């Protein structure tokens, strides 16, 4: 499978909450690097840490959290994906649409590293109730 096909399958596993498939697409010591400023932003190592620290935490923070893919680009073993995060904060009910770029390093048929670059300001705004004057 080509790197782009692996990432397409990875996004399908995200949207279907198919954590078993997600795990098989990742190296055992995958590095998952999320922006500082992103809720729970940190570096996670291993599929289990990502599932617990990222996906399941996102389910607590956001209703209908999604990543909308706008474009995917493959260059050798690197896949860059441009799109938007959308959803609604479970506590504040504030909806958001934040620009994001994902960069994946794929080797030996699995994802070795993920780097996320997101508009964290927009996401942080959805966490705080809107202030009216």
N, C-alpha and C. Protein backbone atom coordinates (compact mmCIF):
# COMPACT_ATOMS: atom_id res chain seq x y z
N UNK A 1 0.85 -1.17 0.00
CA UNK A 1 0.00 0.00 0.00
C UNK A 1 0.90 1.24 0.00
N UNK A 2 0.56 2.22 -0.82
CA UNK A 2 1.31 3.47 -0.91
C UNK A 2 1.00 4.35 0.31
N UNK A 3 1.92 5.27 0.68
CA UNK A 3 1.68 6.12 1.85
C UNK A 3 0.33 6.85 1.82
N UNK A 4 -0.06 7.38 0.66
CA UNK A 4 -1.33 8.09 0.57
C UNK A 4 -2.50 7.15 0.88
N UNK A 5 -2.44 5.93 0.41
CA UNK A 5 -3.50 4.95 0.67
C UNK A 5 -3.56 4.60 2.16
N UNK A 6 -2.42 4.51 2.80
CA UNK A 6 -2.37 4.22 4.24
C UNK A 6 -3.06 5.35 5.01
N UNK A 7 -2.77 6.59 4.65
CA UNK A 7 -3.37 7.73 5.36
C UNK A 7 -4.87 7.80 5.09
N UNK A 8 -5.29 7.52 3.88
CA UNK A 8 -6.73 7.49 3.60
C UNK A 8 -7.43 6.44 4.47
N UNK A 9 -6.80 5.29 4.60
CA UNK A 9 -7.36 4.23 5.45
C UNK A 9 -7.35 4.65 6.92
N UNK A 10 -6.31 5.38 7.33
CA UNK A 10 -6.22 5.88 8.70
C UNK A 10 -7.40 6.81 9.00
N UNK A 11 -7.71 7.74 8.07
CA UNK A 11 -8.84 8.66 8.27
C UNK A 11 -10.17 7.90 8.33
N UNK A 12 -10.30 6.86 7.54
CA UNK A 12 -11.52 6.05 7.61
C UNK A 12 -11.62 5.40 8.99
N UNK A 13 -10.50 4.91 9.51
CA UNK A 13 -10.54 4.29 10.85
C UNK A 13 -10.89 5.32 11.92
N UNK A 14 -10.42 6.59 11.77
CA UNK A 14 -10.80 7.65 12.71
C UNK A 14 -12.31 7.83 12.72
N UNK A 15 -12.85 8.06 11.52
CA UNK A 15 -14.26 8.41 11.43
C UNK A 15 -15.17 7.27 11.88
N UNK A 16 -14.72 6.04 11.72
CA UNK A 16 -15.52 4.88 12.13
C UNK A 16 -15.21 4.42 13.55
N UNK A 17 -14.27 5.11 14.20
CA UNK A 17 -13.84 4.74 15.56
C UNK A 17 -13.36 3.29 15.59
N UNK A 18 -12.69 2.90 14.53
CA UNK A 18 -12.15 1.56 14.38
C UNK A 18 -10.71 1.57 14.90
N UNK A 19 -10.57 1.47 16.20
CA UNK A 19 -9.26 1.60 16.83
C UNK A 19 -8.35 0.41 16.52
N UNK A 20 -8.92 -0.73 16.24
CA UNK A 20 -8.09 -1.90 15.89
C UNK A 20 -7.37 -1.64 14.56
N UNK A 21 -8.10 -1.17 13.56
CA UNK A 21 -7.47 -0.85 12.27
C UNK A 21 -6.47 0.28 12.44
N UNK A 22 -6.84 1.31 13.21
CA UNK A 22 -5.93 2.42 13.47
C UNK A 22 -4.59 1.88 14.01
N UNK A 23 -4.67 0.99 14.98
CA UNK A 23 -3.46 0.44 15.60
C UNK A 23 -2.60 -0.32 14.60
N UNK A 24 -3.22 -1.05 13.68
CA UNK A 24 -2.44 -1.82 12.71
C UNK A 24 -1.75 -0.92 11.68
N UNK A 25 -2.24 0.30 11.52
CA UNK A 25 -1.65 1.24 10.56
C UNK A 25 -0.51 2.06 11.16
N UNK A 26 -0.29 1.90 12.47
CA UNK A 26 0.73 2.67 13.18
C UNK A 26 1.90 1.78 13.59
N UNK A 27 3.10 2.36 13.58
CA UNK A 27 4.24 1.63 14.13
C UNK A 27 4.02 1.47 15.63
N UNK A 28 4.71 0.51 16.24
CA UNK A 28 4.51 0.28 17.68
C UNK A 28 4.93 1.48 18.51
N UNK A 29 5.87 2.28 18.01
CA UNK A 29 6.33 3.45 18.77
C UNK A 29 6.05 4.76 18.03
N UNK A 30 4.89 4.80 17.34
CA UNK A 30 4.50 6.01 16.63
C UNK A 30 4.55 7.23 17.55
N UNK A 31 5.02 8.33 17.03
CA UNK A 31 4.99 9.61 17.75
C UNK A 31 3.83 10.42 17.17
N UNK A 32 2.94 10.87 18.05
CA UNK A 32 1.76 11.65 17.65
C UNK A 32 1.91 13.01 18.32
N UNK A 33 2.27 14.01 17.55
CA UNK A 33 2.63 15.32 18.09
C UNK A 33 1.51 16.31 17.79
N UNK A 34 0.87 16.80 18.84
CA UNK A 34 -0.20 17.79 18.70
C UNK A 34 0.31 19.14 19.19
N UNK A 35 -0.21 20.21 18.56
CA UNK A 35 0.16 21.57 18.93
C UNK A 35 0.06 21.80 20.43
N UNK A 36 1.00 22.57 20.94
CA UNK A 36 0.80 23.18 22.25
C UNK A 36 -0.32 24.18 22.05
N UNK A 37 -1.24 24.27 22.96
CA UNK A 37 -2.40 25.14 22.80
C UNK A 37 -3.63 24.38 22.34
N UNK A 38 -3.43 23.22 21.72
CA UNK A 38 -4.55 22.36 21.40
C UNK A 38 -4.96 21.68 22.71
N UNK A 39 -6.26 21.56 23.01
CA UNK A 39 -6.65 20.88 24.24
C UNK A 39 -5.98 19.50 24.33
N UNK A 40 -5.30 19.25 25.41
CA UNK A 40 -4.53 18.02 25.64
C UNK A 40 -3.36 17.89 24.66
N UNK A 41 -2.92 19.01 24.11
CA UNK A 41 -1.81 19.01 23.17
C UNK A 41 -0.54 18.51 23.84
N UNK A 42 0.09 17.53 23.22
CA UNK A 42 1.29 16.90 23.77
C UNK A 42 1.82 15.94 22.73
N UNK A 43 2.88 15.24 23.06
CA UNK A 43 3.38 14.17 22.22
C UNK A 43 2.99 12.84 22.86
N UNK A 44 2.32 12.01 22.10
CA UNK A 44 1.88 10.69 22.55
C UNK A 44 2.69 9.65 21.80
N UNK A 45 3.06 8.57 22.46
CA UNK A 45 3.85 7.51 21.84
C UNK A 45 3.08 6.20 21.95
N UNK A 46 2.83 5.58 20.81
CA UNK A 46 2.11 4.31 20.77
C UNK A 46 0.63 4.51 20.52
N UNK A 47 0.03 3.57 19.79
CA UNK A 47 -1.38 3.68 19.42
C UNK A 47 -2.30 3.74 20.64
N UNK A 48 -2.03 2.96 21.67
CA UNK A 48 -2.90 2.97 22.86
C UNK A 48 -2.91 4.35 23.52
N UNK A 49 -1.75 4.98 23.62
CA UNK A 49 -1.66 6.32 24.22
C UNK A 49 -2.43 7.33 23.38
N UNK A 50 -2.39 7.19 22.06
CA UNK A 50 -3.10 8.09 21.16
C UNK A 50 -4.61 7.90 21.31
N UNK A 51 -5.04 6.66 21.32
CA UNK A 51 -6.47 6.37 21.44
C UNK A 51 -7.02 6.95 22.75
N UNK A 52 -6.33 6.71 23.86
CA UNK A 52 -6.79 7.21 25.15
C UNK A 52 -6.60 8.72 25.31
N UNK A 53 -5.41 9.21 24.95
CA UNK A 53 -5.07 10.61 25.21
C UNK A 53 -5.59 11.59 24.20
N UNK A 54 -5.92 11.11 23.00
CA UNK A 54 -6.39 12.02 21.95
C UNK A 54 -7.84 11.73 21.61
N UNK A 55 -8.11 10.59 21.00
CA UNK A 55 -9.45 10.32 20.48
C UNK A 55 -10.52 10.27 21.57
N UNK A 56 -10.28 9.54 22.64
CA UNK A 56 -11.30 9.43 23.69
C UNK A 56 -11.46 10.74 24.46
N UNK A 57 -10.37 11.49 24.61
CA UNK A 57 -10.48 12.82 25.25
C UNK A 57 -11.24 13.79 24.35
N UNK A 58 -11.00 13.71 23.05
CA UNK A 58 -11.75 14.57 22.12
C UNK A 58 -13.24 14.28 22.21
N UNK A 59 -13.61 13.01 22.38
CA UNK A 59 -15.02 12.65 22.51
C UNK A 59 -15.65 13.27 23.75
N UNK A 60 -14.86 13.51 24.79
CA UNK A 60 -15.37 14.15 26.00
C UNK A 60 -15.53 15.65 25.78
N UNK A 61 -14.58 16.28 25.10
CA UNK A 61 -14.60 17.73 24.90
C UNK A 61 -15.57 18.21 23.83
N UNK A 62 -15.75 17.40 22.79
CA UNK A 62 -16.47 17.88 21.61
C UNK A 62 -17.61 16.95 21.22
N UNK A 63 -18.72 17.54 20.79
CA UNK A 63 -19.79 16.80 20.13
C UNK A 63 -19.51 16.84 18.64
N UNK A 64 -19.65 15.70 18.00
CA UNK A 64 -19.51 15.60 16.55
C UNK A 64 -18.18 16.16 16.05
N UNK A 65 -17.09 15.86 16.76
CA UNK A 65 -15.76 16.30 16.34
C UNK A 65 -15.38 15.58 15.05
N UNK A 66 -15.00 16.35 14.04
CA UNK A 66 -14.66 15.77 12.73
C UNK A 66 -13.47 16.49 12.13
N UNK A 67 -12.81 15.79 11.23
CA UNK A 67 -11.78 16.41 10.42
C UNK A 67 -12.24 16.34 8.98
N UNK A 68 -12.42 17.50 8.35
CA UNK A 68 -12.82 17.59 6.95
C UNK A 68 -11.55 17.71 6.11
N UNK A 69 -11.31 16.74 5.26
CA UNK A 69 -10.14 16.76 4.39
C UNK A 69 -10.44 17.62 3.17
N UNK A 70 -9.56 18.58 2.90
CA UNK A 70 -9.68 19.42 1.71
C UNK A 70 -8.69 18.97 0.63
N UNK A 71 -7.50 18.55 1.04
CA UNK A 71 -6.53 18.05 0.06
C UNK A 71 -5.51 17.16 0.75
N UNK A 72 -4.97 16.22 -0.04
CA UNK A 72 -3.90 15.32 0.41
C UNK A 72 -2.79 15.36 -0.62
N UNK A 73 -1.56 15.40 -0.12
CA UNK A 73 -0.40 15.47 -1.01
C UNK A 73 0.65 14.48 -0.52
N UNK A 74 1.17 13.69 -1.45
CA UNK A 74 2.20 12.70 -1.12
C UNK A 74 3.51 13.10 -1.78
N UNK A 75 4.58 13.07 -1.01
CA UNK A 75 5.93 13.29 -1.53
C UNK A 75 6.82 12.25 -0.88
N UNK A 76 7.20 11.25 -1.65
CA UNK A 76 7.98 10.12 -1.14
C UNK A 76 7.21 9.45 -0.01
N UNK A 77 7.76 9.49 1.20
CA UNK A 77 7.11 8.81 2.33
C UNK A 77 6.38 9.78 3.26
N UNK A 78 6.18 11.02 2.80
CA UNK A 78 5.50 12.04 3.61
C UNK A 78 4.17 12.39 2.97
N UNK A 79 3.12 12.39 3.79
CA UNK A 79 1.80 12.77 3.33
C UNK A 79 1.35 13.99 4.12
N UNK A 80 0.96 15.05 3.40
CA UNK A 80 0.45 16.27 4.02
C UNK A 80 -1.04 16.36 3.72
N UNK A 81 -1.81 16.64 4.76
CA UNK A 81 -3.26 16.72 4.62
C UNK A 81 -3.71 18.07 5.16
N UNK A 82 -4.49 18.79 4.35
CA UNK A 82 -5.00 20.10 4.72
C UNK A 82 -6.51 19.97 4.90
N UNK A 83 -7.02 20.63 5.95
CA UNK A 83 -8.46 20.58 6.17
C UNK A 83 -8.90 21.41 7.34
N UNK A 84 -10.01 20.98 7.95
CA UNK A 84 -10.63 21.71 9.05
C UNK A 84 -11.10 20.74 10.13
N UNK A 85 -10.95 21.15 11.39
CA UNK A 85 -11.64 20.48 12.48
C UNK A 85 -12.97 21.20 12.65
N UNK A 86 -14.03 20.44 12.87
CA UNK A 86 -15.33 21.01 13.16
C UNK A 86 -15.94 20.26 14.34
N UNK A 87 -16.85 20.91 15.00
CA UNK A 87 -17.56 20.28 16.10
C UNK A 87 -18.18 21.32 16.99
N UNK A 88 -18.59 20.88 18.17
CA UNK A 88 -19.21 21.76 19.15
C UNK A 88 -18.72 21.32 20.52
N UNK A 89 -18.31 22.29 21.33
CA UNK A 89 -17.85 21.97 22.68
C UNK A 89 -19.02 21.43 23.50
N UNK A 90 -18.79 20.33 24.22
CA UNK A 90 -19.88 19.70 24.98
C UNK A 90 -20.37 20.57 26.13
N UNK A 91 -19.49 21.35 26.74
CA UNK A 91 -19.88 22.18 27.89
C UNK A 91 -20.48 23.52 27.48
N UNK A 92 -19.81 24.22 26.56
CA UNK A 92 -20.24 25.57 26.20
C UNK A 92 -21.23 25.60 25.05
N UNK A 93 -21.30 24.50 24.29
CA UNK A 93 -22.13 24.39 23.09
C UNK A 93 -21.66 25.32 21.97
N UNK A 94 -20.44 25.85 22.10
CA UNK A 94 -19.85 26.71 21.07
C UNK A 94 -19.33 25.85 19.92
N UNK A 95 -19.80 26.16 18.71
CA UNK A 95 -19.34 25.46 17.53
C UNK A 95 -18.03 26.07 17.05
N UNK A 96 -17.26 25.30 16.32
CA UNK A 96 -16.00 25.81 15.78
C UNK A 96 -15.71 25.18 14.43
N UNK A 97 -14.87 25.88 13.68
CA UNK A 97 -14.29 25.37 12.43
C UNK A 97 -12.88 25.94 12.39
N UNK A 98 -11.90 25.07 12.57
CA UNK A 98 -10.51 25.50 12.70
C UNK A 98 -9.66 24.90 11.59
N UNK A 99 -8.85 25.73 10.96
CA UNK A 99 -7.93 25.27 9.92
C UNK A 99 -6.86 24.39 10.55
N UNK A 100 -6.43 23.37 9.77
CA UNK A 100 -5.43 22.44 10.30
C UNK A 100 -4.64 21.80 9.15
N UNK A 101 -3.39 21.47 9.46
CA UNK A 101 -2.56 20.69 8.56
C UNK A 101 -2.01 19.50 9.34
N UNK A 102 -2.04 18.34 8.73
CA UNK A 102 -1.47 17.13 9.31
C UNK A 102 -0.32 16.68 8.42
N UNK A 103 0.78 16.29 9.03
CA UNK A 103 1.92 15.76 8.28
C UNK A 103 2.25 14.39 8.84
N UNK A 104 2.26 13.40 7.96
CA UNK A 104 2.52 12.01 8.35
C UNK A 104 3.82 11.54 7.71
N UNK A 105 4.64 10.84 8.48
CA UNK A 105 5.81 10.14 7.98
C UNK A 105 5.47 8.66 7.96
N UNK A 106 5.54 8.05 6.78
CA UNK A 106 5.17 6.65 6.60
C UNK A 106 6.41 5.89 6.13
N UNK A 107 6.72 4.81 6.85
CA UNK A 107 7.83 3.93 6.47
C UNK A 107 7.43 2.49 6.75
N UNK A 108 7.91 1.62 5.90
CA UNK A 108 7.66 0.18 6.07
C UNK A 108 6.17 -0.14 6.19
N UNK A 109 5.34 0.63 5.50
CA UNK A 109 3.91 0.34 5.45
C UNK A 109 3.10 0.78 6.65
N UNK A 110 3.71 1.56 7.56
CA UNK A 110 2.98 2.06 8.73
C UNK A 110 3.35 3.52 9.01
N UNK A 111 2.49 4.19 9.76
CA UNK A 111 2.74 5.58 10.15
C UNK A 111 3.74 5.59 11.29
N UNK A 112 4.82 6.32 11.10
CA UNK A 112 5.87 6.43 12.12
C UNK A 112 5.69 7.68 12.98
N UNK A 113 5.20 8.78 12.33
CA UNK A 113 5.07 10.04 13.06
C UNK A 113 3.95 10.87 12.45
N UNK A 114 3.24 11.57 13.34
CA UNK A 114 2.17 12.50 12.97
C UNK A 114 2.50 13.84 13.60
N UNK A 115 2.36 14.90 12.81
CA UNK A 115 2.52 16.25 13.35
C UNK A 115 1.30 17.06 12.95
N UNK A 116 0.73 17.77 13.91
CA UNK A 116 -0.47 18.55 13.69
C UNK A 116 -0.15 20.03 13.87
N UNK A 117 -0.66 20.84 12.96
CA UNK A 117 -0.53 22.29 13.04
C UNK A 117 -1.93 22.85 12.88
N UNK A 118 -2.51 23.37 13.97
CA UNK A 118 -3.92 23.77 13.96
C UNK A 118 -4.09 25.19 14.48
N UNK A 119 -5.21 25.77 14.08
CA UNK A 119 -5.63 27.08 14.59
C UNK A 119 -6.16 26.86 16.00
N UNK A 120 -5.25 26.84 16.95
CA UNK A 120 -5.64 26.53 18.33
C UNK A 120 -6.44 27.66 18.97
N UNK A 121 -6.28 28.88 18.48
CA UNK A 121 -7.05 30.01 19.02
C UNK A 121 -8.55 29.76 18.85
N UNK A 122 -8.94 29.33 17.66
CA UNK A 122 -10.35 29.05 17.39
C UNK A 122 -10.87 27.94 18.30
N UNK A 123 -10.08 26.90 18.49
CA UNK A 123 -10.49 25.81 19.37
C UNK A 123 -10.61 26.28 20.81
N UNK A 124 -9.65 27.07 21.28
CA UNK A 124 -9.70 27.58 22.65
C UNK A 124 -10.91 28.48 22.88
N UNK A 125 -11.28 29.25 21.85
CA UNK A 125 -12.45 30.11 21.99
C UNK A 125 -13.73 29.29 22.22
N UNK A 126 -13.81 28.11 21.66
CA UNK A 126 -15.01 27.29 21.84
C UNK A 126 -15.09 26.71 23.26
N UNK A 127 -13.96 26.73 23.98
CA UNK A 127 -13.94 26.18 25.34
C UNK A 127 -14.49 27.16 26.36
N UNK A 128 -14.45 28.47 26.05
CA UNK A 128 -14.90 29.49 27.00
C UNK A 128 -16.25 30.03 26.55
N UNK A 129 -17.15 30.22 27.49
CA UNK A 129 -18.46 30.80 27.11
C UNK A 129 -18.27 32.16 26.45
N UNK A 130 -19.14 32.45 25.49
CA UNK A 130 -19.09 33.74 24.80
C UNK A 130 -19.39 34.85 25.80
N UNK A 131 -18.56 35.88 25.80
CA UNK A 131 -18.75 37.04 26.67
C UNK A 131 -19.59 38.07 25.93
N UNK A 132 -20.69 38.50 26.51
CA UNK A 132 -21.49 39.55 25.88
C UNK A 132 -21.31 40.84 26.63
N UNK A 133 -21.38 41.94 25.90
CA UNK A 133 -21.18 43.26 26.54
C UNK A 133 -22.48 43.89 26.89
